[in-house]
Amino acid sequence: MPDPSQLRVADADREQLVEELRDHALAGRLTSEELEERVGAAYRATTRADIDALRTDLPVSAKSIALELRKRKGKLRRRLAQEAGGGLGVSGLAVGVWAAVGAHGGFWPGWVIGVTMLPIVRDSWRLFGPASDLEVVEARMQRRHERRLARGDSTGGRRYRHRHRRLPWSEGPPW
């Protein structure tokens, strides 16, 4: 894998840096000459190292923190949606089985829905609720991922491997 500091930057990265530099100039951390110099260097920057060099003596800006938080929240939202899709699939299958056998008795798929969707609802509340806690959501999702890997489920939730004892003819044709 290439060194991250040598990766090329996009125009959006340069524009973000220029906005940050202007904020620092408004705060009095840069003179107008320094701002002009750094903005020119920002537009000439080609790698991540070039951009990072222009930030070395400046504190982290509130805009960059907000942008990083938005990116992190978006990544967690996508992972949560993937997990919810799996839970909804299992829940839908349970409801389909219940309906196919005549929908008699109590609504037992409610237990399946509750068990599969409870972690999703809990993490959604932590992610989108009034007291958003990204670290807790990330830790829970990571633990679930590690449990799936420990079970030997490297497919990320989709279980395709055969769990039963191998049949004698499963190695090939019996002849």
Protein backbone atom coordinates (compact mmCIF):
# COMPACT_ATOMS: atom_id res chain seq x y z
CA MET A 1 0.00 0.00 0.00
CA PRO A 2 1.41 3.41 -0.91
CA ASP A 3 2.41 5.95 1.73
CA PRO A 4 -0.74 8.01 2.52
CA SER A 5 1.25 11.25 2.53
CA GLN A 6 2.20 10.64 -1.11
CA LEU A 7 -1.38 10.20 -2.34
CA ARG A 8 -2.57 12.86 -4.72
CA VAL A 9 -5.18 15.36 -3.56
CA ALA A 10 -8.36 16.51 -5.25
CA ASP A 11 -9.58 20.02 -5.93
CA ALA A 12 -12.04 19.66 -3.03
CA ASP A 13 -9.12 19.04 -0.64
CA ARG A 14 -7.38 22.19 -1.88
CA GLU A 15 -10.56 24.26 -1.54
CA GLN A 16 -11.10 22.97 1.99
CA LEU A 17 -7.55 23.98 2.92
CA VAL A 18 -8.03 27.45 1.44
CA GLU A 19 -11.20 27.91 3.52
CA GLU A 20 -9.32 26.83 6.63
CA LEU A 21 -6.48 29.23 5.86
CA ARG A 22 -8.96 32.10 5.43
CA ASP A 23 -10.52 31.24 8.81
CA HIS A 24 -7.07 31.32 10.41
CA ALA A 25 -6.38 34.69 8.79
CA LEU A 26 -9.69 36.04 10.13
CA ALA A 27 -8.72 34.80 13.59
CA GLY A 28 -5.43 36.71 13.31
CA ARG A 29 -3.12 33.71 13.07
CA LEU A 30 -1.92 34.60 9.55
CA THR A 31 -1.04 37.94 8.02
CA SER A 32 -2.42 38.83 4.62
CA GLU A 33 0.99 38.11 3.02
CA GLU A 34 1.18 34.69 4.70
CA LEU A 35 -2.38 33.95 3.63
CA GLU A 36 -1.60 34.89 0.03
CA GLU A 37 1.54 32.74 0.06
CA ARG A 38 -0.21 29.70 1.54
CA VAL A 39 -3.25 29.98 -0.73
CA GLY A 40 -0.93 29.93 -3.77
CA ALA A 41 0.90 26.93 -2.34
CA ALA A 42 -2.43 25.22 -1.61
CA TYR A 43 -3.53 25.53 -5.22
CA ARG A 44 -0.15 24.15 -6.36
CA ALA A 45 -0.26 21.23 -3.90
CA THR A 46 -0.35 17.80 -5.49
CA THR A 47 0.05 15.38 -2.57
CA ARG A 48 -1.35 15.01 0.94
CA ALA A 49 2.14 15.85 2.32
CA ASP A 50 2.05 19.22 0.48
CA ILE A 51 -1.29 20.07 2.08
CA ASP A 52 -0.25 18.86 5.54
CA ALA A 53 2.90 21.01 5.38
CA LEU A 54 0.73 24.13 5.03
CA ARG A 55 -1.16 23.23 8.23
CA THR A 56 1.75 22.24 10.48
CA ASP A 57 1.97 25.42 12.55
CA LEU A 58 -1.79 26.07 12.74
CA PRO A 59 -4.33 24.62 15.20
CA VAL A 60 -7.08 22.35 13.91
CA SER A 61 -9.97 24.44 12.67
CA ALA A 62 -13.59 23.99 13.71
CA LYS A 63 -14.59 23.46 10.06
CA SER A 64 -12.18 20.56 9.58
CA ILE A 65 -13.43 18.97 12.80
CA ALA A 66 -17.05 19.34 11.65
CA LEU A 67 -16.19 17.91 8.22
CA GLU A 68 -14.40 14.92 9.74
CA LEU A 69 -17.34 14.32 12.08
CA ARG A 70 -19.77 14.41 9.13
CA LYS A 71 -17.63 11.90 7.19
CA ARG A 72 -17.43 9.59 10.19
CA LYS A 73 -21.16 9.80 10.82
CA GLY A 74 -21.88 9.08 7.14
CA LYS A 75 -19.67 5.98 7.23
CA LEU A 76 -21.44 4.72 10.35
CA ARG A 77 -24.83 5.45 8.78
CA ARG A 78 -23.92 3.32 5.74
CA ARG A 79 -22.67 0.43 7.92
CA LEU A 80 -25.82 0.63 10.04
CA ALA A 81 -28.00 0.55 6.91
CA GLN A 82 -26.18 -2.59 5.73
CA GLU A 83 -26.78 -4.30 9.05
CA ALA A 84 -30.42 -3.19 9.02
CA GLY A 85 -30.86 -4.74 5.57
CA GLY A 86 -29.77 -8.10 6.92
CA GLY A 87 -32.10 -7.83 9.92
CA LEU A 88 -35.01 -6.81 7.72
CA GLY A 89 -34.34 -9.74 5.39
CA VAL A 90 -34.44 -12.25 8.24
CA SER A 91 -37.53 -10.59 9.71
CA GLY A 92 -39.28 -10.62 6.35
CA LEU A 93 -38.48 -14.30 5.92
CA ALA A 94 -39.94 -15.08 9.36
CA VAL A 95 -43.14 -13.17 8.55
CA GLY A 96 -43.34 -15.00 5.20
CA VAL A 97 -43.05 -18.39 6.91
CA TRP A 98 -45.66 -17.38 9.50
CA ALA A 99 -48.05 -16.28 6.73
CA ALA A 100 -47.35 -19.39 4.62
CA VAL A 101 -48.31 -21.77 7.42
CA GLY A 102 -51.64 -20.04 7.89
CA ALA A 103 -50.88 -17.22 10.33
CA HIS A 104 -52.33 -19.15 13.23
CA GLY A 105 -51.62 -18.43 16.86
CA GLY A 106 -49.63 -15.51 18.12
CA PHE A 107 -47.38 -13.41 15.96
CA TRP A 108 -44.12 -15.26 16.75
CA PRO A 109 -42.11 -13.38 14.07
CA GLY A 110 -42.29 -10.42 16.47
CA TRP A 111 -39.58 -12.16 18.52
CA VAL A 112 -37.39 -12.53 15.45
CA ILE A 113 -37.96 -8.90 14.50
CA GLY A 114 -37.15 -7.78 18.04
CA VAL A 115 -33.97 -9.80 18.32
CA THR A 116 -32.64 -8.86 14.88
CA MET A 117 -33.61 -5.19 14.96
CA LEU A 118 -32.88 -4.27 18.60
CA PRO A 119 -29.15 -3.65 18.05
CA ILE A 120 -29.93 -1.58 14.96
CA VAL A 121 -32.53 0.55 16.75
CA ARG A 122 -30.24 1.01 19.77
CA ASP A 123 -27.28 2.08 17.61
CA SER A 124 -29.49 4.31 15.44
CA TRP A 125 -30.64 6.14 18.56
CA ARG A 126 -27.02 6.55 19.66
CA LEU A 127 -26.04 7.81 16.21
CA PHE A 128 -28.97 10.11 15.39
CA GLY A 129 -30.43 10.83 18.83
CA PRO A 130 -29.96 13.96 20.91
CA ALA A 131 -26.77 12.70 22.59
CA SER A 132 -24.90 11.32 19.60
CA ASP A 133 -22.04 9.04 20.70
CA LEU A 134 -20.04 7.86 17.70
CA GLU A 135 -17.42 6.01 19.76
CA VAL A 136 -20.03 3.74 21.36
CA VAL A 137 -21.67 2.99 18.00
CA GLU A 138 -18.30 2.26 16.38
CA ALA A 139 -17.28 -0.02 19.26
CA ARG A 140 -20.54 -1.99 19.13
CA MET A 141 -20.39 -2.42 15.38
CA GLN A 142 -16.77 -3.52 15.64
CA ARG A 143 -17.64 -6.10 18.32
CA ARG A 144 -20.45 -7.52 16.15
CA HIS A 145 -18.06 -7.69 13.21
CA GLU A 146 -15.42 -9.48 15.29
CA ARG A 147 -18.01 -11.98 16.58
CA ARG A 148 -19.00 -12.80 12.99
CA LEU A 149 -15.34 -13.32 12.10
CA ALA A 150 -14.79 -15.50 15.19
CA ARG A 151 -17.68 -17.73 14.09
CA GLY A 152 -15.88 -18.20 10.80
CA ASP A 153 -18.31 -16.02 8.92
CA SER A 154 -15.97 -14.12 6.62
CA THR A 155 -18.81 -13.25 4.23
CA GLY A 156 -19.99 -10.39 6.44
CA GLY A 157 -23.29 -11.88 7.50
CA ARG A 158 -24.10 -14.09 4.54
CA ARG A 159 -23.68 -17.73 5.53
CA TYR A 160 -23.02 -19.93 2.55
CA ARG A 161 -20.85 -22.63 4.02
CA HIS A 162 -22.33 -26.01 4.81
CA ARG A 163 -22.54 -26.60 8.58
CA HIS A 164 -23.65 -30.23 8.52
CA ARG A 165 -21.50 -33.32 8.37
CA ARG A 166 -20.31 -34.01 4.86
CA LEU A 167 -22.19 -36.68 3.00
CA PRO A 168 -20.08 -39.54 1.59
CA TRP A 169 -20.75 -38.55 -2.01
CA SER A 170 -20.16 -34.82 -1.43
CA GLU A 171 -16.50 -35.24 -2.42
CA GLY A 172 -17.55 -36.07 -5.96
CA PRO A 173 -19.70 -38.51 -7.91
CA PRO A 174 -20.07 -41.96 -6.32
CA TRP A 175 -18.67 -43.80 -9.37
